[in-house]
Amino acid sequence: MTPVLRTTDPTTEPPVLPDGTDPLLRLEYEMQPATGPGATRCLSHPHELAFGGIPATCTACRARRDWMLINRGRNVWIRCRCSNQWLEPEISRADFDALIDSPDVTNYPSVERCLAAHGFDGALAGTYLE
């Protein structure tokens, strides 16, 4: 499992630095990972998920593994490669944090761009990537 992005909510505008700000300071600001209550974090989870011994299954394509977990606030959603997504109350934010095993983070301007970059926009429906 590797985290694939940390991005901000696309409806939230980042603070605007004043004109004439040093370009290096602007670049440093833009390269910082998104944090705080408005941050949306995603990570890929190629293995099966089971809740109370019952494996998670996509209701649209019947897939049983290769998920994207999306965390915002205290909620965690599961997204399938067919682009079906649902809120999973059995996964807490603490559970999500425990799944992160790598400090490598890639920033994307929006969640939609991340999903497209990693094949969770429906383009790879019916495939399992390892």
N, C-alpha and C. Protein backbone atom coordinates (compact mmCIF):
# COMPACT_ATOMS: atom_id res chain seq x y z
N MET A 1 0.84 -1.17 0.00
CA MET A 1 0.00 0.00 0.00
C MET A 1 0.88 1.24 0.00
N THR A 2 0.61 2.13 -0.91
CA THR A 2 1.34 3.38 -0.94
C THR A 2 0.37 4.53 -1.13
N PRO A 3 0.56 5.59 -0.38
CA PRO A 3 -0.32 6.74 -0.59
C PRO A 3 -0.04 7.34 -1.95
N VAL A 4 -1.06 7.76 -2.64
CA VAL A 4 -0.87 8.27 -3.97
C VAL A 4 -1.11 9.76 -4.08
N LEU A 5 -1.75 10.37 -3.12
CA LEU A 5 -1.91 11.80 -3.23
C LEU A 5 -2.28 12.42 -1.91
N ARG A 6 -2.09 13.65 -1.85
CA ARG A 6 -2.65 14.50 -0.81
C ARG A 6 -3.04 15.78 -1.53
N THR A 7 -4.28 16.11 -1.53
CA THR A 7 -4.74 17.25 -2.30
C THR A 7 -5.74 18.05 -1.50
N THR A 8 -6.00 19.25 -1.90
CA THR A 8 -6.99 20.08 -1.22
C THR A 8 -8.31 19.98 -1.96
N ASP A 9 -9.36 20.37 -1.31
CA ASP A 9 -10.69 20.39 -1.90
C ASP A 9 -10.66 21.36 -3.09
N PRO A 10 -11.13 20.93 -4.27
CA PRO A 10 -11.07 21.82 -5.43
C PRO A 10 -11.95 23.05 -5.30
N THR A 11 -12.90 23.06 -4.37
CA THR A 11 -13.75 24.23 -4.20
C THR A 11 -13.11 25.26 -3.28
N THR A 12 -12.04 24.90 -2.60
CA THR A 12 -11.37 25.81 -1.69
C THR A 12 -10.22 26.48 -2.42
N GLU A 13 -10.24 27.79 -2.46
CA GLU A 13 -9.18 28.53 -3.12
C GLU A 13 -7.98 28.66 -2.19
N PRO A 14 -6.76 28.41 -2.69
CA PRO A 14 -5.59 28.59 -1.84
C PRO A 14 -5.36 30.07 -1.58
N PRO A 15 -4.73 30.41 -0.47
CA PRO A 15 -4.47 31.81 -0.20
C PRO A 15 -3.60 32.40 -1.30
N VAL A 16 -3.90 33.64 -1.66
CA VAL A 16 -3.14 34.31 -2.72
C VAL A 16 -2.02 35.10 -2.07
N LEU A 17 -0.81 34.83 -2.53
CA LEU A 17 0.32 35.60 -2.04
C LEU A 17 0.34 36.95 -2.73
N PRO A 18 0.75 38.02 -2.04
CA PRO A 18 0.73 39.34 -2.66
C PRO A 18 1.66 39.42 -3.86
N ASP A 19 1.28 40.29 -4.81
CA ASP A 19 2.14 40.51 -5.97
C ASP A 19 3.50 41.01 -5.50
N GLY A 20 4.52 40.59 -6.21
CA GLY A 20 5.87 41.00 -5.86
C GLY A 20 6.52 40.07 -4.84
N THR A 21 5.82 39.01 -4.43
CA THR A 21 6.40 38.05 -3.50
C THR A 21 7.55 37.33 -4.20
N ASP A 22 8.58 37.07 -3.46
CA ASP A 22 9.75 36.38 -4.00
C ASP A 22 9.32 35.08 -4.68
N PRO A 23 9.72 34.84 -5.92
CA PRO A 23 9.32 33.61 -6.63
C PRO A 23 9.74 32.33 -5.90
N LEU A 24 10.87 32.37 -5.21
CA LEU A 24 11.30 31.17 -4.48
C LEU A 24 10.39 30.89 -3.29
N LEU A 25 9.93 31.94 -2.61
CA LEU A 25 8.97 31.75 -1.52
C LEU A 25 7.64 31.23 -2.05
N ARG A 26 7.22 31.73 -3.19
CA ARG A 26 5.98 31.27 -3.81
C ARG A 26 6.09 29.78 -4.17
N LEU A 27 7.22 29.38 -4.77
CA LEU A 27 7.44 27.99 -5.14
C LEU A 27 7.46 27.10 -3.90
N GLU A 28 8.13 27.56 -2.83
CA GLU A 28 8.19 26.78 -1.59
C GLU A 28 6.78 26.58 -1.03
N TYR A 29 5.96 27.63 -1.08
CA TYR A 29 4.59 27.53 -0.58
C TYR A 29 3.78 26.53 -1.42
N GLU A 30 3.91 26.60 -2.74
CA GLU A 30 3.15 25.73 -3.63
C GLU A 30 3.55 24.27 -3.51
N MET A 31 4.78 23.98 -3.09
CA MET A 31 5.26 22.60 -3.01
C MET A 31 4.93 21.92 -1.69
N GLN A 32 4.42 22.66 -0.72
CA GLN A 32 4.07 22.07 0.57
C GLN A 32 2.83 21.20 0.43
N PRO A 33 2.82 20.02 1.07
CA PRO A 33 1.63 19.17 0.98
C PRO A 33 0.45 19.82 1.70
N ALA A 34 -0.74 19.53 1.18
CA ALA A 34 -1.96 20.06 1.79
C ALA A 34 -2.20 19.39 3.13
N THR A 35 -2.57 20.18 4.12
CA THR A 35 -2.88 19.66 5.44
C THR A 35 -4.11 20.38 5.97
N GLY A 36 -4.57 19.95 7.11
CA GLY A 36 -5.68 20.63 7.76
C GLY A 36 -7.01 19.99 7.44
N PRO A 37 -8.09 20.58 7.95
CA PRO A 37 -9.41 19.97 7.81
C PRO A 37 -9.90 19.94 6.36
N GLY A 38 -9.37 20.78 5.49
CA GLY A 38 -9.81 20.79 4.10
C GLY A 38 -9.03 19.84 3.21
N ALA A 39 -8.08 19.12 3.77
CA ALA A 39 -7.25 18.23 2.96
C ALA A 39 -8.00 16.94 2.64
N THR A 40 -7.83 16.47 1.43
CA THR A 40 -8.36 15.19 1.01
C THR A 40 -7.18 14.30 0.71
N ARG A 41 -7.16 13.11 1.32
CA ARG A 41 -6.05 12.19 1.13
C ARG A 41 -6.56 10.90 0.49
N CYS A 42 -5.77 10.35 -0.40
CA CYS A 42 -6.15 9.10 -1.07
C CYS A 42 -4.96 8.15 -1.02
N LEU A 43 -5.27 6.88 -1.01
CA LEU A 43 -4.21 5.89 -1.14
C LEU A 43 -4.76 4.66 -1.84
N SER A 44 -3.88 4.02 -2.59
CA SER A 44 -4.30 2.81 -3.28
C SER A 44 -4.18 1.63 -2.32
N HIS A 45 -5.08 0.69 -2.47
CA HIS A 45 -5.09 -0.51 -1.62
C HIS A 45 -5.37 -1.70 -2.55
N PRO A 46 -4.32 -2.39 -3.02
CA PRO A 46 -4.51 -3.45 -4.00
C PRO A 46 -5.10 -4.74 -3.44
N HIS A 47 -5.12 -4.89 -2.14
CA HIS A 47 -5.58 -6.14 -1.53
C HIS A 47 -7.06 -6.10 -1.21
N GLU A 48 -7.61 -7.24 -0.83
CA GLU A 48 -9.00 -7.31 -0.42
C GLU A 48 -9.19 -6.58 0.90
N LEU A 49 -10.39 -6.07 1.11
CA LEU A 49 -10.80 -5.47 2.38
C LEU A 49 -11.94 -6.32 2.93
N ALA A 50 -11.90 -6.59 4.23
CA ALA A 50 -12.97 -7.37 4.86
C ALA A 50 -13.44 -6.63 6.11
N PHE A 51 -14.75 -6.58 6.28
CA PHE A 51 -15.36 -5.93 7.44
C PHE A 51 -16.19 -6.97 8.16
N GLY A 52 -15.76 -7.34 9.36
CA GLY A 52 -16.44 -8.37 10.12
C GLY A 52 -16.41 -9.72 9.43
N GLY A 53 -15.33 -9.98 8.70
CA GLY A 53 -15.18 -11.24 7.99
C GLY A 53 -15.86 -11.27 6.63
N ILE A 54 -16.56 -10.22 6.26
CA ILE A 54 -17.25 -10.16 4.96
C ILE A 54 -16.41 -9.29 4.03
N PRO A 55 -15.96 -9.84 2.90
CA PRO A 55 -15.13 -9.06 1.98
C PRO A 55 -15.92 -7.93 1.31
N ALA A 56 -15.26 -6.80 1.12
CA ALA A 56 -15.88 -5.69 0.40
C ALA A 56 -15.97 -6.06 -1.07
N THR A 57 -17.12 -5.80 -1.66
CA THR A 57 -17.36 -6.10 -3.07
C THR A 57 -18.03 -4.91 -3.72
N CYS A 58 -17.56 -4.52 -4.90
CA CYS A 58 -18.17 -3.43 -5.65
C CYS A 58 -19.55 -3.88 -6.13
N THR A 59 -20.56 -3.07 -5.88
CA THR A 59 -21.92 -3.43 -6.28
C THR A 59 -22.14 -3.26 -7.79
N ALA A 60 -21.26 -2.51 -8.45
CA ALA A 60 -21.43 -2.28 -9.89
C ALA A 60 -20.75 -3.36 -10.73
N CYS A 61 -19.50 -3.73 -10.38
CA CYS A 61 -18.76 -4.67 -11.23
C CYS A 61 -18.34 -5.94 -10.49
N ARG A 62 -18.65 -6.06 -9.23
CA ARG A 62 -18.36 -7.22 -8.39
C ARG A 62 -16.87 -7.41 -8.09
N ALA A 63 -16.05 -6.38 -8.26
CA ALA A 63 -14.62 -6.46 -7.93
C ALA A 63 -14.46 -6.67 -6.43
N ARG A 64 -13.38 -7.36 -6.03
CA ARG A 64 -13.14 -7.65 -4.62
C ARG A 64 -11.81 -7.13 -4.12
N ARG A 65 -11.03 -6.48 -4.99
CA ARG A 65 -9.75 -5.90 -4.57
C ARG A 65 -9.37 -4.78 -5.52
N ASP A 66 -8.23 -4.14 -5.24
CA ASP A 66 -7.71 -3.03 -6.04
C ASP A 66 -8.58 -1.79 -5.86
N TRP A 67 -8.51 -1.22 -4.67
CA TRP A 67 -9.35 -0.08 -4.29
C TRP A 67 -8.54 1.21 -4.19
N MET A 68 -9.25 2.32 -4.23
CA MET A 68 -8.71 3.63 -3.86
C MET A 68 -9.50 4.05 -2.63
N LEU A 69 -8.80 4.33 -1.54
CA LEU A 69 -9.44 4.82 -0.32
C LEU A 69 -9.28 6.33 -0.29
N ILE A 70 -10.36 7.04 -0.05
CA ILE A 70 -10.37 8.50 -0.06
C ILE A 70 -10.82 8.98 1.31
N ASN A 71 -9.98 9.78 1.96
CA ASN A 71 -10.27 10.28 3.31
C ASN A 71 -10.42 11.79 3.28
N ARG A 72 -11.52 12.26 3.84
CA ARG A 72 -11.74 13.70 4.05
C ARG A 72 -12.43 13.84 5.39
N GLY A 73 -11.78 14.54 6.30
CA GLY A 73 -12.34 14.66 7.65
C GLY A 73 -12.36 13.31 8.33
N ARG A 74 -13.50 12.93 8.87
CA ARG A 74 -13.60 11.63 9.53
C ARG A 74 -14.16 10.54 8.62
N ASN A 75 -14.53 10.90 7.40
CA ASN A 75 -15.13 9.94 6.47
C ASN A 75 -14.11 9.31 5.55
N VAL A 76 -14.34 8.04 5.21
CA VAL A 76 -13.50 7.32 4.26
C VAL A 76 -14.42 6.67 3.22
N TRP A 77 -14.12 6.93 1.96
CA TRP A 77 -14.85 6.33 0.86
C TRP A 77 -13.97 5.29 0.19
N ILE A 78 -14.62 4.27 -0.37
CA ILE A 78 -13.92 3.26 -1.18
C ILE A 78 -14.34 3.51 -2.62
N ARG A 79 -13.35 3.52 -3.51
CA ARG A 79 -13.63 3.71 -4.93
C ARG A 79 -13.05 2.55 -5.71
N CYS A 80 -13.83 2.03 -6.63
CA CYS A 80 -13.43 0.92 -7.49
C CYS A 80 -12.92 1.47 -8.82
N ARG A 81 -12.21 0.66 -9.57
CA ARG A 81 -11.72 1.08 -10.88
C ARG A 81 -12.84 1.37 -11.87
N CYS A 82 -14.03 0.83 -11.63
CA CYS A 82 -15.15 1.11 -12.52
C CYS A 82 -15.77 2.48 -12.23
N SER A 83 -15.24 3.20 -11.27
CA SER A 83 -15.64 4.53 -10.80
C SER A 83 -16.82 4.50 -9.83
N ASN A 84 -17.23 3.33 -9.39
CA ASN A 84 -18.26 3.23 -8.35
C ASN A 84 -17.60 3.59 -7.02
N GLN A 85 -18.27 4.40 -6.22
CA GLN A 85 -17.71 4.88 -4.96
C GLN A 85 -18.79 4.87 -3.89
N TRP A 86 -18.39 4.51 -2.66
CA TRP A 86 -19.34 4.51 -1.56
C TRP A 86 -18.64 4.87 -0.26
N LEU A 87 -19.42 5.48 0.64
CA LEU A 87 -18.93 5.81 1.98
C LEU A 87 -18.89 4.52 2.78
N GLU A 88 -17.76 4.28 3.44
CA GLU A 88 -17.60 3.06 4.24
C GLU A 88 -17.47 3.44 5.71
N PRO A 89 -18.55 3.32 6.48
CA PRO A 89 -18.50 3.70 7.89
C PRO A 89 -17.64 2.78 8.75
N GLU A 90 -17.29 1.60 8.25
CA GLU A 90 -16.45 0.66 9.01
C GLU A 90 -14.98 1.08 9.05
N ILE A 91 -14.57 2.01 8.18
CA ILE A 91 -13.18 2.48 8.16
C ILE A 91 -13.14 3.86 8.79
N SER A 92 -12.40 3.99 9.87
CA SER A 92 -12.26 5.28 10.54
C SER A 92 -11.01 5.99 10.01
N ARG A 93 -10.87 7.24 10.39
CA ARG A 93 -9.67 7.99 9.99
C ARG A 93 -8.43 7.34 10.58
N ALA A 94 -8.52 6.81 11.79
CA ALA A 94 -7.38 6.12 12.41
C ALA A 94 -7.01 4.87 11.61
N ASP A 95 -8.02 4.14 11.13
CA ASP A 95 -7.75 2.97 10.29
C ASP A 95 -7.05 3.39 9.00
N PHE A 96 -7.51 4.49 8.41
CA PHE A 96 -6.91 5.00 7.19
C PHE A 96 -5.44 5.37 7.44
N ASP A 97 -5.18 6.09 8.53
CA ASP A 97 -3.81 6.48 8.86
C ASP A 97 -2.92 5.26 9.08
N ALA A 98 -3.47 4.19 9.66
CA ALA A 98 -2.68 2.98 9.91
C ALA A 98 -2.30 2.28 8.60
N LEU A 99 -3.06 2.48 7.54
CA LEU A 99 -2.75 1.85 6.26
C LEU A 99 -1.61 2.54 5.52
N ILE A 100 -1.32 3.77 5.88
CA ILE A 100 -0.25 4.52 5.20
C ILE A 100 1.09 3.99 5.69
N ASP A 101 1.87 3.42 4.76
CA ASP A 101 3.16 2.83 5.15
C ASP A 101 4.34 3.50 4.46
N SER A 102 4.10 4.59 3.75
CA SER A 102 5.19 5.26 3.05
C SER A 102 5.00 6.77 3.17
N PRO A 103 6.09 7.51 3.38
CA PRO A 103 5.97 8.96 3.47
C PRO A 103 5.91 9.65 2.11
N ASP A 104 6.06 8.88 1.02
CA ASP A 104 6.02 9.46 -0.32
C ASP A 104 4.63 9.99 -0.62
N VAL A 105 4.56 11.24 -1.04
CA VAL A 105 3.29 11.89 -1.32
C VAL A 105 3.39 12.57 -2.67
N THR A 106 2.34 12.45 -3.46
CA THR A 106 2.24 13.16 -4.73
C THR A 106 1.07 14.12 -4.62
N ASN A 107 1.29 15.37 -4.95
CA ASN A 107 0.23 16.38 -4.89
C ASN A 107 -0.45 16.51 -6.24
N TYR A 108 -1.77 16.62 -6.24
CA TYR A 108 -2.57 16.83 -7.43
C TYR A 108 -3.45 18.04 -7.22
N PRO A 109 -3.78 18.77 -8.28
CA PRO A 109 -4.62 19.96 -8.10
C PRO A 109 -6.07 19.65 -7.73
N SER A 110 -6.52 18.43 -8.03
CA SER A 110 -7.89 18.06 -7.67
C SER A 110 -7.97 16.54 -7.51
N VAL A 111 -9.00 16.09 -6.83
CA VAL A 111 -9.21 14.66 -6.65
C VAL A 111 -9.48 14.00 -8.00
N GLU A 112 -10.22 14.69 -8.86
CA GLU A 112 -10.54 14.13 -10.17
C GLU A 112 -9.28 13.85 -10.99
N ARG A 113 -8.31 14.76 -10.93
CA ARG A 113 -7.05 14.56 -11.66
C ARG A 113 -6.29 13.37 -11.10
N CYS A 114 -6.32 13.18 -9.79
CA CYS A 114 -5.66 12.02 -9.18
C CYS A 114 -6.32 10.73 -9.63
N LEU A 115 -7.65 10.69 -9.58
CA LEU A 115 -8.36 9.48 -9.97
C LEU A 115 -8.06 9.11 -11.41
N ALA A 116 -8.01 10.10 -12.29
CA ALA A 116 -7.68 9.83 -13.69
C ALA A 116 -6.24 9.36 -13.84
N ALA A 117 -5.33 9.95 -13.08
CA ALA A 117 -3.91 9.58 -13.18
C ALA A 117 -3.66 8.15 -12.72
N HIS A 118 -4.47 7.64 -11.81
CA HIS A 118 -4.25 6.31 -11.26
C HIS A 118 -5.27 5.28 -11.75
N GLY A 119 -6.09 5.65 -12.73
CA GLY A 119 -6.99 4.69 -13.35
C GLY A 119 -8.25 4.39 -12.58
N PHE A 120 -8.68 5.27 -11.71
CA PHE A 120 -9.91 5.05 -10.94
C PHE A 120 -11.05 5.93 -11.45
N ASP A 121 -10.94 6.37 -12.69
CA ASP A 121 -11.98 7.19 -13.29
C ASP A 121 -12.93 6.40 -14.18
N GLY A 122 -12.80 5.08 -14.19
CA GLY A 122 -13.64 4.22 -15.00
C GLY A 122 -12.96 3.73 -16.26
N ALA A 123 -11.82 4.30 -16.62
CA ALA A 123 -11.12 3.91 -17.84
C ALA A 123 -10.58 2.47 -17.75
N LEU A 124 -10.24 2.02 -16.56
CA LEU A 124 -9.69 0.68 -16.39
C LEU A 124 -10.69 -0.26 -15.71
N ALA A 125 -11.96 -0.04 -15.94
CA ALA A 125 -13.01 -0.88 -15.33
C ALA A 125 -12.78 -2.33 -15.72
N GLY A 126 -12.87 -3.21 -14.73
CA GLY A 126 -12.73 -4.64 -14.97
C GLY A 126 -11.31 -5.16 -14.96
N THR A 127 -10.34 -4.32 -14.65
CA THR A 127 -8.95 -4.77 -14.61
C THR A 127 -8.43 -4.73 -13.19
N TYR A 128 -7.49 -5.61 -12.91
CA TYR A 128 -6.78 -5.60 -11.63
C TYR A 128 -5.32 -5.29 -11.94
N LEU A 129 -4.78 -4.28 -11.29
CA LEU A 129 -3.38 -3.93 -11.48
C LEU A 129 -2.59 -4.37 -10.26
N GLU A 130 -1.42 -4.89 -10.45
CA GLU A 130 -0.59 -5.35 -9.33
C GLU A 130 0.69 -4.58 -9.28
